[in-house]
């Protein structure tokens, strides 16, 4: 893994992204780096994996290791902080709508909005210097790819805005023109994409099964379209001990997919075994950590 201080884990649902993110965060915290592992999945499981009861944000796990999970309410708070009230000023001048209903409406009309402010939140944490390493556990692949399209998507949504809003009043709160607010919004989007390009290390987690492997080409292509590079692949749930006919059959099935993954994308990879127990708690996570960092990656 490289020297960027934000390490992102992406992939389809159920392949072990959260486990890999948690084990990676534990590794960096153990080396003495103050580390935050944060989930932008609205159905997160980081606290469950670390067996945390604390609801603090962020919650301390061990020395140097902290956990946070972004909720829908957190995203709405980020919207408030950046542009929400000002944009609401514009809409409320000709539409009767409460602010809560307006915020929900905007989130549905602009499907990339939640992802945009999540990226912005991660960027601000990274730039604050509060944590030496930030490990980012994302939502499943489809939602993750949605955030990659946010600048172009936002531009398309805002194209008609100058024609619609050019004659409207300035916002009441900061006395900026509506077009000024829109311009700042676009600049924020561009800034966050630059952060993804230059400040984030991308790790893709997958499994050696047909559906997951078939999705890889599309994920790599989508990243490439936005100038982003997946630096490492983690292949999870690989059968190593074949002590039953079922596991013999499963291991045989995996072999072709393993070769395809490891030889098709020009990036390094690491195999994680199919563990005989649930990965939960720091001791079990250290088993994953050892496999991620103590073994030589395959290339």
C-alpha atoms as a PDB file:
ATOM      1  CA  UNK A   1       0.000   0.000   0.000  1.00  0.00           C
ATOM      2  CA  UNK A   2       1.274   3.495  -0.815  1.00  0.00           C
ATOM      3  CA  UNK A   3       1.974   6.637   1.225  1.00  0.00           C
ATOM      4  CA  UNK A   4      -1.349   8.444   0.751  1.00  0.00           C
ATOM      5  CA  UNK A   5      -2.976   9.031   4.107  1.00  0.00           C
ATOM      6  CA  UNK A   6      -6.524   8.137   2.984  1.00  0.00           C
ATOM      7  CA  UNK A   7      -7.020   4.437   2.186  1.00  0.00           C
ATOM      8  CA  UNK A   8     -10.333   3.528   0.577  1.00  0.00           C
ATOM      9  CA  UNK A   9     -11.914   0.071   0.334  1.00  0.00           C
ATOM     10  CA  UNK A  10     -14.568  -0.485  -2.320  1.00  0.00           C
ATOM     11  CA  UNK A  11     -16.336  -3.425  -3.949  1.00  0.00           C
ATOM     12  CA  UNK A  12     -19.695  -5.164  -4.191  1.00  0.00           C
ATOM     13  CA  UNK A  13     -21.732  -5.843  -1.078  1.00  0.00           C
ATOM     14  CA  UNK A  14     -20.826  -8.781   1.157  1.00  0.00           C
ATOM     15  CA  UNK A  15     -17.234  -9.335  -0.014  1.00  0.00           C
ATOM     16  CA  UNK A  16     -15.536  -8.178   3.190  1.00  0.00           C
ATOM     17  CA  UNK A  17     -14.755  -4.479   2.629  1.00  0.00           C
ATOM     18  CA  UNK A  18     -15.509  -3.555   6.222  1.00  0.00           C
ATOM     19  CA  UNK A  19     -13.376  -6.400   7.591  1.00  0.00           C
ATOM     20  CA  UNK A  20     -10.424  -5.346   5.415  1.00  0.00           C
ATOM     21  CA  UNK A  21     -10.877  -1.677   6.374  1.00  0.00           C
ATOM     22  CA  UNK A  22     -11.033  -2.525  10.081  1.00  0.00           C
ATOM     23  CA  UNK A  23      -7.952  -4.771   9.933  1.00  0.00           C
ATOM     24  CA  UNK A  24      -6.012  -2.127   7.981  1.00  0.00           C
ATOM     25  CA  UNK A  25      -6.929   0.584  10.476  1.00  0.00           C
ATOM     26  CA  UNK A  26      -5.859  -1.691  13.337  1.00  0.00           C
ATOM     27  CA  UNK A  27      -2.510  -2.213  11.615  1.00  0.00           C
ATOM     28  CA  UNK A  28      -1.723   1.481  11.253  1.00  0.00           C
ATOM     29  CA  UNK A  29      -2.871   2.253  14.797  1.00  0.00           C
ATOM     30  CA  UNK A  30      -0.586  -0.506  16.086  1.00  0.00           C
ATOM     31  CA  UNK A  31       2.380   1.129  14.335  1.00  0.00           C
ATOM     32  CA  UNK A  32       1.727   4.292  16.359  1.00  0.00           C
ATOM     33  CA  UNK A  33      -0.202   6.313  13.791  1.00  0.00           C
ATOM     34  CA  UNK A  34      -3.343   8.050  15.018  1.00  0.00           C
ATOM     35  CA  UNK A  35      -5.931   6.393  12.784  1.00  0.00           C
ATOM     36  CA  UNK A  36      -9.599   6.915  11.986  1.00  0.00           C
ATOM     37  CA  UNK A  37     -11.619   4.197  10.256  1.00  0.00           C
ATOM     38  CA  UNK A  38     -14.827   5.678   8.885  1.00  0.00           C
ATOM     39  CA  UNK A  39     -17.798   4.185   7.060  1.00  0.00           C
ATOM     40  CA  UNK A  40     -19.919   6.035   4.498  1.00  0.00           C
ATOM     41  CA  UNK A  41     -22.303   3.102   4.157  1.00  0.00           C
ATOM     42  CA  UNK A  42     -25.774   3.935   5.494  1.00  0.00           C
ATOM     43  CA  UNK A  43     -25.971   0.363   6.835  1.00  0.00           C
ATOM     44  CA  UNK A  44     -22.557   0.292   8.541  1.00  0.00           C
ATOM     45  CA  UNK A  45     -21.073  -2.540  10.586  1.00  0.00           C
ATOM     46  CA  UNK A  46     -17.768  -1.128  11.844  1.00  0.00           C
ATOM     47  CA  UNK A  47     -18.950  -0.810  15.430  1.00  0.00           C
ATOM     48  CA  UNK A  48     -20.232  -4.383  15.281  1.00  0.00           C
ATOM     49  CA  UNK A  49     -16.900  -5.718  14.017  1.00  0.00           C
ATOM     50  CA  UNK A  50     -15.003  -3.884  16.752  1.00  0.00           C
ATOM     51  CA  UNK A  51     -17.654  -4.908  19.322  1.00  0.00           C
ATOM     52  CA  UNK A  52     -18.146  -1.277  20.341  1.00  0.00           C
ATOM     53  CA  UNK A  53     -21.018  -0.179  22.546  1.00  0.00           C
ATOM     54  CA  UNK A  54     -20.027   3.492  22.540  1.00  0.00           C
ATOM     55  CA  UNK A  55     -22.062   5.784  20.284  1.00  0.00           C
ATOM     56  CA  UNK A  56     -19.544   8.617  20.458  1.00  0.00           C
ATOM     57  CA  UNK A  57     -18.459  10.188  17.184  1.00  0.00           C
ATOM     58  CA  UNK A  58     -15.722   9.210  16.764  1.00  0.00           C
ATOM     59  CA  UNK A  59     -15.524   6.339  19.256  1.00  0.00           C
ATOM     60  CA  UNK A  60     -12.173   5.223  20.657  1.00  0.00           C
ATOM     61  CA  UNK A  61     -11.296   1.557  20.089  1.00  0.00           C
ATOM     62  CA  UNK A  62      -7.698   1.347  21.309  1.00  0.00           C
ATOM     63  CA  UNK A  63      -4.803   3.743  21.642  1.00  0.00           C
ATOM     64  CA  UNK A  64      -4.517   5.592  18.317  1.00  0.00           C
ATOM     65  CA  UNK A  65      -7.615   3.947  16.790  1.00  0.00           C
ATOM     66  CA  UNK A  66     -11.006   5.629  16.370  1.00  0.00           C
ATOM     67  CA  UNK A  67     -14.212   4.604  14.577  1.00  0.00           C
ATOM     68  CA  UNK A  68     -16.905   6.751  12.970  1.00  0.00           C
ATOM     69  CA  UNK A  69     -19.946   6.030  10.801  1.00  0.00           C
ATOM     70  CA  UNK A  70     -21.684   8.684   8.697  1.00  0.00           C
ATOM     71  CA  UNK A  71     -25.470   8.623   8.867  1.00  0.00           C
ATOM     72  CA  UNK A  72     -28.054  10.250   6.621  1.00  0.00           C
ATOM     73  CA  UNK A  73     -28.533  12.934   9.297  1.00  0.00           C
ATOM     74  CA  UNK A  74     -24.790  13.626   9.211  1.00  0.00           C
ATOM     75  CA  UNK A  75     -24.983  14.185   5.454  1.00  0.00           C
ATOM     76  CA  UNK A  76     -27.872  16.600   5.877  1.00  0.00           C
ATOM     77  CA  UNK A  77     -25.795  18.473   8.468  1.00  0.00           C
ATOM     78  CA  UNK A  78     -22.958  18.734   5.933  1.00  0.00           C
ATOM     79  CA  UNK A  79     -25.423  20.100   3.388  1.00  0.00           C
ATOM     80  CA  UNK A  80     -26.547  22.671   5.979  1.00  0.00           C
ATOM     81  CA  UNK A  81     -22.965  23.695   6.640  1.00  0.00           C
ATOM     82  CA  UNK A  82     -22.111  24.273   2.995  1.00  0.00           C
ATOM     83  CA  UNK A  83     -25.138  25.481   1.050  1.00  0.00           C
ATOM     84  CA  UNK A  84     -28.463  24.244   2.386  1.00  0.00           C
ATOM     85  CA  UNK A  85     -29.993  27.390   3.885  1.00  0.00           C
ATOM     86  CA  UNK A  86     -28.879  29.605   1.013  1.00  0.00           C
ATOM     87  CA  UNK A  87     -30.268  27.348  -1.694  1.00  0.00           C
ATOM     88  CA  UNK A  88     -33.432  26.951   0.388  1.00  0.00           C
ATOM     89  CA  UNK A  89     -33.766  30.768   0.365  1.00  0.00           C
ATOM     90  CA  UNK A  90     -33.996  30.641  -3.412  1.00  0.00           C
ATOM     91  CA  UNK A  91     -36.575  27.855  -3.605  1.00  0.00           C
ATOM     92  CA  UNK A  92     -38.714  29.147  -0.742  1.00  0.00           C
ATOM     93  CA  UNK A  93     -39.154  32.452  -2.541  1.00  0.00           C
ATOM     94  CA  UNK A  94     -41.507  30.783  -5.003  1.00  0.00           C
ATOM     95  CA  UNK A  95     -42.353  27.357  -3.484  1.00  0.00           C
ATOM     96  CA  UNK A  96     -44.010  26.790  -0.113  1.00  0.00           C
ATOM     97  CA  UNK A  97     -41.953  23.976   1.437  1.00  0.00           C
ATOM     98  CA  UNK A  98     -40.422  23.304   4.858  1.00  0.00           C
ATOM     99  CA  UNK A  99     -36.659  23.098   5.125  1.00  0.00           C
ATOM    100  CA  UNK A 100     -36.747  19.413   6.146  1.00  0.00           C
ATOM    101  CA  UNK A 101     -38.899  18.511   3.154  1.00  0.00           C
ATOM    102  CA  UNK A 102     -36.667  20.623   0.926  1.00  0.00           C
ATOM    103  CA  UNK A 103     -33.495  18.837   2.096  1.00  0.00           C
ATOM    104  CA  UNK A 104     -35.075  15.425   1.444  1.00  0.00           C
ATOM    105  CA  UNK A 105     -36.285  16.620  -1.971  1.00  0.00           C
ATOM    106  CA  UNK A 106     -32.825  17.851  -2.968  1.00  0.00           C
ATOM    107  CA  UNK A 107     -31.258  14.546  -1.899  1.00  0.00           C
ATOM    108  CA  UNK A 108     -33.690  12.670  -4.170  1.00  0.00           C
ATOM    109  CA  UNK A 109     -33.401  15.048  -7.143  1.00  0.00           C
ATOM    110  CA  UNK A 110     -29.595  15.137  -6.965  1.00  0.00           C
ATOM    111  CA  UNK A 111     -28.706  11.487  -6.337  1.00  0.00           C
ATOM    112  CA  UNK A 112     -24.992  12.268  -6.104  1.00  0.00           C
ATOM    113  CA  UNK A 113     -25.471  14.862  -3.382  1.00  0.00           C
ATOM    114  CA  UNK A 114     -25.030  12.469  -0.446  1.00  0.00           C
ATOM    115  CA  UNK A 115     -21.873  11.011  -1.965  1.00  0.00           C
ATOM    116  CA  UNK A 116     -20.474  14.454  -2.742  1.00  0.00           C
ATOM    117  CA  UNK A 117     -20.707  15.658   0.819  1.00  0.00           C
ATOM    118  CA  UNK A 118     -19.342  12.369   2.117  1.00  0.00           C
ATOM    119  CA  UNK A 119     -16.264  12.854  -0.064  1.00  0.00           C
ATOM    120  CA  UNK A 120     -16.003  16.442   1.109  1.00  0.00           C
ATOM    121  CA  UNK A 121     -16.235  15.315   4.723  1.00  0.00           C
ATOM    122  CA  UNK A 122     -13.422  12.786   4.236  1.00  0.00           C
ATOM    123  CA  UNK A 123     -11.330  15.432   2.477  1.00  0.00           C
ATOM    124  CA  UNK A 124     -11.756  17.887   5.342  1.00  0.00           C
ATOM    125  CA  UNK A 125     -10.775  15.240   7.901  1.00  0.00           C
ATOM    126  CA  UNK A 126      -7.686  14.405   5.839  1.00  0.00           C
ATOM    127  CA  UNK A 127      -6.652  18.033   5.451  1.00  0.00           C
ATOM    128  CA  UNK A 128      -7.244  18.843   9.132  1.00  0.00           C
ATOM    129  CA  UNK A 129      -4.240  16.748  10.150  1.00  0.00           C
ATOM    130  CA  UNK A 130      -6.086  15.394  13.186  1.00  0.00           C
ATOM    131  CA  UNK A 131      -5.451  11.831  12.015  1.00  0.00           C
ATOM    132  CA  UNK A 132      -2.290  10.530  10.379  1.00  0.00           C
ATOM    133  CA  UNK A 133      -4.214   7.788   8.557  1.00  0.00           C
ATOM    134  CA  UNK A 134      -7.862   7.698   7.487  1.00  0.00           C
ATOM    135  CA  UNK A 135      -9.258   4.322   6.400  1.00  0.00           C
ATOM    136  CA  UNK A 136     -12.469   4.715   4.405  1.00  0.00           C
ATOM    137  CA  UNK A 137     -15.043   1.908   4.235  1.00  0.00           C
ATOM    138  CA  UNK A 138     -17.460   2.698   1.398  1.00  0.00           C
ATOM    139  CA  UNK A 139     -20.939   1.603   0.411  1.00  0.00           C
ATOM    140  CA  UNK A 140     -21.344  -1.265  -2.127  1.00  0.00           C
ATOM    141  CA  UNK A 141     -19.878  -0.790  -5.601  1.00  0.00           C
ATOM    142  CA  UNK A 142     -22.897   0.748  -7.302  1.00  0.00           C
ATOM    143  CA  UNK A 143     -23.148   3.518  -4.735  1.00  0.00           C
ATOM    144  CA  UNK A 144     -19.400   4.007  -4.694  1.00  0.00           C
ATOM    145  CA  UNK A 145     -19.334   4.489  -8.447  1.00  0.00           C
ATOM    146  CA  UNK A 146     -22.127   7.018  -8.027  1.00  0.00           C
ATOM    147  CA  UNK A 147     -19.827   9.295  -6.069  1.00  0.00           C
ATOM    148  CA  UNK A 148     -17.217   9.110  -8.846  1.00  0.00           C
ATOM    149  CA  UNK A 149     -19.707  10.651 -11.252  1.00  0.00           C
ATOM    150  CA  UNK A 150     -20.647  13.506  -8.981  1.00  0.00           C
ATOM    151  CA  UNK A 151     -18.882  16.407 -10.804  1.00  0.00           C
ATOM    152  CA  UNK A 152     -20.380  15.672 -14.218  1.00  0.00           C
ATOM    153  CA  UNK A 153     -23.729  14.756 -12.666  1.00  0.00           C
ATOM    154  CA  UNK A 154     -23.782  17.986 -10.695  1.00  0.00           C
ATOM    155  CA  UNK A 155     -22.924  19.992 -13.791  1.00  0.00           C
ATOM    156  CA  UNK A 156     -25.822  18.425 -15.693  1.00  0.00           C
ATOM    157  CA  UNK A 157     -28.239  19.179 -12.858  1.00  0.00           C
ATOM    158  CA  UNK A 158     -27.112  22.789 -12.620  1.00  0.00           C
ATOM    159  CA  UNK A 159     -26.978  23.635 -16.335  1.00  0.00           C
ATOM    160  CA  UNK A 160     -30.475  25.120 -16.396  1.00  0.00           C
ATOM    161  CA  UNK A 161     -29.904  26.958 -13.122  1.00  0.00           C
ATOM    162  CA  UNK A 162     -28.511  30.227 -14.541  1.00  0.00           C
ATOM    163  CA  UNK A 163     -31.539  30.625 -16.816  1.00  0.00           C
ATOM    164  CA  UNK A 164     -33.952  29.811 -13.993  1.00  0.00           C
ATOM    165  CA  UNK A 165     -32.348  31.789 -11.183  1.00  0.00           C
ATOM    166  CA  UNK A 166     -30.578  34.696 -12.870  1.00  0.00           C
ATOM    167  CA  UNK A 167     -33.411  37.109 -12.159  1.00  0.00           C
ATOM    168  CA  UNK A 168     -34.045  35.966  -8.579  1.00  0.00           C
ATOM    169  CA  UNK A 169     -32.989  37.836  -5.446  1.00  0.00           C
ATOM    170  CA  UNK A 170     -29.682  37.283  -3.709  1.00  0.00           C
ATOM    171  CA  UNK A 171     -29.719  34.885  -0.778  1.00  0.00           C
ATOM    172  CA  UNK A 172     -30.772  36.455   2.512  1.00  0.00           C
ATOM    173  CA  UNK A 173     -28.154  34.872   4.738  1.00  0.00           C
ATOM    174  CA  UNK A 174     -24.818  35.788   3.176  1.00  0.00           C
ATOM    175  CA  UNK A 175     -25.932  38.197   0.482  1.00  0.00           C
ATOM    176  CA  UNK A 176     -24.316  36.219  -2.307  1.00  0.00           C
ATOM    177  CA  UNK A 177     -25.939  35.938  -5.683  1.00  0.00           C
ATOM    178  CA  UNK A 178     -27.661  32.694  -6.521  1.00  0.00           C
ATOM    179  CA  UNK A 179     -25.231  32.206  -9.381  1.00  0.00           C
ATOM    180  CA  UNK A 180     -22.392  32.730  -6.898  1.00  0.00           C
ATOM    181  CA  UNK A 181     -23.732  29.937  -4.708  1.00  0.00           C
ATOM    182  CA  UNK A 182     -24.031  27.615  -7.706  1.00  0.00           C
ATOM    183  CA  UNK A 183     -20.496  28.458  -8.827  1.00  0.00           C
ATOM    184  CA  UNK A 184     -19.129  27.679  -5.363  1.00  0.00           C
ATOM    185  CA  UNK A 185     -20.983  24.373  -5.386  1.00  0.00           C
ATOM    186  CA  UNK A 186     -19.346  23.398  -8.669  1.00  0.00           C
ATOM    187  CA  UNK A 187     -15.943  24.462  -7.363  1.00  0.00           C
ATOM    188  CA  UNK A 188     -16.478  22.254  -4.311  1.00  0.00           C
ATOM    189  CA  UNK A 189     -17.283  19.318  -6.560  1.00  0.00           C
ATOM    190  CA  UNK A 190     -14.124  19.864  -8.618  1.00  0.00           C
ATOM    191  CA  UNK A 191     -12.027  20.181  -5.458  1.00  0.00           C
ATOM    192  CA  UNK A 192     -13.348  16.906  -4.112  1.00  0.00           C
ATOM    193  CA  UNK A 193     -12.610  15.069  -7.356  1.00  0.00           C
ATOM    194  CA  UNK A 194      -9.034  16.345  -7.238  1.00  0.00           C
ATOM    195  CA  UNK A 195      -8.829  14.965  -3.707  1.00  0.00           C
ATOM    196  CA  UNK A 196      -9.982  11.555  -4.947  1.00  0.00           C
ATOM    197  CA  UNK A 197      -7.356  11.639  -7.693  1.00  0.00           C
ATOM    198  CA  UNK A 198      -4.410  12.803  -5.625  1.00  0.00           C
ATOM    199  CA  UNK A 199      -5.116  12.010  -1.989  1.00  0.00           C
ATOM    200  CA  UNK A 200      -6.768   8.589  -1.887  1.00  0.00           C
ATOM    201  CA  UNK A 201      -5.379   5.080  -2.274  1.00  0.00           C
ATOM    202  CA  UNK A 202      -8.004   2.738  -3.768  1.00  0.00           C
ATOM    203  CA  UNK A 203      -8.247  -0.917  -2.762  1.00  0.00           C
ATOM    204  CA  UNK A 204     -10.819  -3.189  -4.367  1.00  0.00           C
ATOM    205  CA  UNK A 205     -12.144  -6.138  -2.356  1.00  0.00           C
ATOM    206  CA  UNK A 206     -13.668  -9.063  -4.236  1.00  0.00           C
ATOM    207  CA  UNK A 207     -14.238 -12.814  -4.052  1.00  0.00           C
ATOM    208  CA  UNK A 208     -13.375 -15.598  -6.507  1.00  0.00           C
ATOM    209  CA  UNK A 209     -16.896 -16.191  -7.785  1.00  0.00           C
ATOM    210  CA  UNK A 210     -18.514 -15.574 -11.159  1.00  0.00           C
ATOM    211  CA  UNK A 211     -20.717 -12.566 -10.373  1.00  0.00           C
ATOM    212  CA  UNK A 212     -18.012 -10.701  -8.472  1.00  0.00           C
ATOM    213  CA  UNK A 213     -15.397 -11.347 -11.176  1.00  0.00           C
ATOM    214  CA  UNK A 214     -17.751 -10.258 -13.961  1.00  0.00           C
ATOM    215  CA  UNK A 215     -18.264  -6.938 -12.171  1.00  0.00           C
ATOM    216  CA  UNK A 216     -14.562  -6.151 -11.961  1.00  0.00           C
ATOM    217  CA  UNK A 217     -14.122  -5.038 -15.561  1.00  0.00           C
ATOM    218  CA  UNK A 218     -16.895  -2.468 -15.194  1.00  0.00           C
ATOM    219  CA  UNK A 219     -15.512  -1.164 -11.910  1.00  0.00           C
ATOM    220  CA  UNK A 220     -12.003  -0.760 -13.324  1.00  0.00           C
ATOM    221  CA  UNK A 221     -13.384   0.964 -16.436  1.00  0.00           C
ATOM    222  CA  UNK A 222     -15.436   3.382 -14.371  1.00  0.00           C
ATOM    223  CA  UNK A 223     -12.451   4.321 -12.224  1.00  0.00           C
ATOM    224  CA  UNK A 224     -10.333   4.785 -15.351  1.00  0.00           C
ATOM    225  CA  UNK A 225     -12.930   7.086 -16.926  1.00  0.00           C
ATOM    226  CA  UNK A 226     -12.490   9.508 -14.040  1.00  0.00           C
ATOM    227  CA  UNK A 227      -8.713   9.319 -13.958  1.00  0.00           C
ATOM    228  CA  UNK A 228      -8.649   7.126 -10.843  1.00  0.00           C
ATOM    229  CA  UNK A 229      -6.446   4.088 -10.335  1.00  0.00           C
ATOM    230  CA  UNK A 230      -7.160   0.991  -8.235  1.00  0.00           C
ATOM    231  CA  UNK A 231      -3.812   0.204  -6.659  1.00  0.00           C
ATOM    232  CA  UNK A 232      -4.508  -3.156  -5.059  1.00  0.00           C
ATOM    233  CA  UNK A 233      -6.988  -6.034  -5.150  1.00  0.00           C
ATOM    234  CA  UNK A 234      -7.844  -8.123  -2.100  1.00  0.00           C
ATOM    235  CA  UNK A 235      -9.378 -11.505  -2.937  1.00  0.00           C
ATOM    236  CA  UNK A 236     -11.328 -12.629   0.101  1.00  0.00           C
ATOM    237  CA  UNK A 237     -12.720 -15.986   1.241  1.00  0.00           C
ATOM    238  CA  UNK A 238     -10.151 -18.097  -0.635  1.00  0.00           C
ATOM    239  CA  UNK A 239     -10.325 -21.784   0.353  1.00  0.00           C
ATOM    240  CA  UNK A 240      -6.933 -23.005   1.608  1.00  0.00           C
ATOM    241  CA  UNK A 241      -7.795 -26.036   3.744  1.00  0.00           C
ATOM    242  CA  UNK A 242      -9.710 -28.657   1.755  1.00  0.00           C
ATOM    243  CA  UNK A 243     -10.778 -31.093   4.453  1.00  0.00           C
ATOM    244  CA  UNK A 244     -14.214 -31.902   3.066  1.00  0.00           C
ATOM    245  CA  UNK A 245     -15.696 -32.695  -0.369  1.00  0.00           C
ATOM    246  CA  UNK A 246     -17.509 -29.351  -0.291  1.00  0.00           C
ATOM    247  CA  UNK A 247     -14.311 -27.374   0.249  1.00  0.00           C
ATOM    248  CA  UNK A 248     -12.462 -29.428  -2.379  1.00  0.00           C
ATOM    249  CA  UNK A 249     -15.166 -28.540  -4.893  1.00  0.00           C
ATOM    250  CA  UNK A 250     -15.209 -24.872  -3.882  1.00  0.00           C
ATOM    251  CA  UNK A 251     -11.409 -24.582  -4.069  1.00  0.00           C
ATOM    252  CA  UNK A 252     -11.436 -26.123  -7.547  1.00  0.00           C
ATOM    253  CA  UNK A 253     -14.104 -23.654  -8.647  1.00  0.00           C
ATOM    254  CA  UNK A 254     -12.106 -20.714  -7.325  1.00  0.00           C
ATOM    255  CA  UNK A 255      -8.863 -21.530  -9.151  1.00  0.00           C
ATOM    256  CA  UNK A 256      -9.867 -20.182 -12.549  1.00  0.00           C
ATOM    257  CA  UNK A 257     -11.316 -17.006 -11.074  1.00  0.00           C
ATOM    258  CA  UNK A 258      -8.197 -16.440  -8.967  1.00  0.00           C
ATOM    259  CA  UNK A 259      -5.986 -16.637 -12.046  1.00  0.00           C
ATOM    260  CA  UNK A 260      -8.281 -14.286 -13.962  1.00  0.00           C
ATOM    261  CA  UNK A 261      -8.295 -11.683 -11.180  1.00  0.00           C
ATOM    262  CA  UNK A 262      -4.559 -11.831 -10.590  1.00  0.00           C
ATOM    263  CA  UNK A 263      -3.557 -11.707 -14.259  1.00  0.00           C
ATOM    264  CA  UNK A 264      -6.051  -9.355 -15.886  1.00  0.00           C
ATOM    265  CA  UNK A 265      -5.751  -5.904 -14.329  1.00  0.00           C
ATOM    266  CA  UNK A 266      -2.061  -5.079 -14.004  1.00  0.00           C
ATOM    267  CA  UNK A 267      -2.227  -4.452 -10.269  1.00  0.00           C
ATOM    268  CA  UNK A 268      -0.978  -6.255  -7.187  1.00  0.00           C
ATOM    269  CA  UNK A 269      -3.247  -8.538  -5.213  1.00  0.00           C
ATOM    270  CA  UNK A 270      -3.466 -10.335  -1.885  1.00  0.00           C
ATOM    271  CA  UNK A 271      -5.439 -13.458  -1.019  1.00  0.00           C
ATOM    272  CA  UNK A 272      -7.347 -13.678   2.254  1.00  0.00           C
ATOM    273  CA  UNK A 273      -8.443 -17.136   3.385  1.00  0.00           C
ATOM    274  CA  UNK A 274     -11.934 -18.327   4.146  1.00  0.00           C
ATOM    275  CA  UNK A 275     -11.716 -18.229   7.938  1.00  0.00           C
ATOM    276  CA  UNK A 276     -13.536 -20.949   9.933  1.00  0.00           C
ATOM    277  CA  UNK A 277     -15.040 -18.338  12.256  1.00  0.00           C
ATOM    278  CA  UNK A 278     -16.674 -14.922  12.200  1.00  0.00           C
ATOM    279  CA  UNK A 279     -14.248 -12.000  12.124  1.00  0.00           C
ATOM    280  CA  UNK A 280     -15.321  -9.947  15.101  1.00  0.00           C
ATOM    281  CA  UNK A 281     -13.247  -8.216  17.768  1.00  0.00           C
ATOM    282  CA  UNK A 282      -9.647  -7.023  17.670  1.00  0.00           C
ATOM    283  CA  UNK A 283      -8.042 -10.445  18.171  1.00  0.00           C
ATOM    284  CA  UNK A 284      -9.816 -11.934  15.151  1.00  0.00           C
ATOM    285  CA  UNK A 285      -9.089  -8.785  13.143  1.00  0.00           C
ATOM    286  CA  UNK A 286      -5.391  -9.270  13.858  1.00  0.00           C
ATOM    287  CA  UNK A 287      -5.570 -12.569  11.956  1.00  0.00           C
ATOM    288  CA  UNK A 288      -6.742 -10.611   8.915  1.00  0.00           C
ATOM    289  CA  UNK A 289      -4.141  -7.902   9.536  1.00  0.00           C
ATOM    290  CA  UNK A 290      -1.323 -10.457   9.510  1.00  0.00           C
ATOM    291  CA  UNK A 291      -2.473 -11.839   6.169  1.00  0.00           C
ATOM    292  CA  UNK A 292      -2.840  -8.363   4.645  1.00  0.00           C
ATOM    293  CA  UNK A 293       0.522  -7.020   5.786  1.00  0.00           C
ATOM    294  CA  UNK A 294       2.820  -9.934   6.662  1.00  0.00           C
ATOM    295  CA  UNK A 295       2.568 -11.863   3.397  1.00  0.00           C
ATOM    296  CA  UNK A 296       4.084 -10.785   0.106  1.00  0.00           C
ATOM    297  CA  UNK A 297       1.443  -9.524  -2.335  1.00  0.00           C
ATOM    298  CA  UNK A 298       1.025 -11.457  -5.562  1.00  0.00           C
ATOM    299  CA  UNK A 299       1.588  -9.466  -8.746  1.00  0.00           C
END
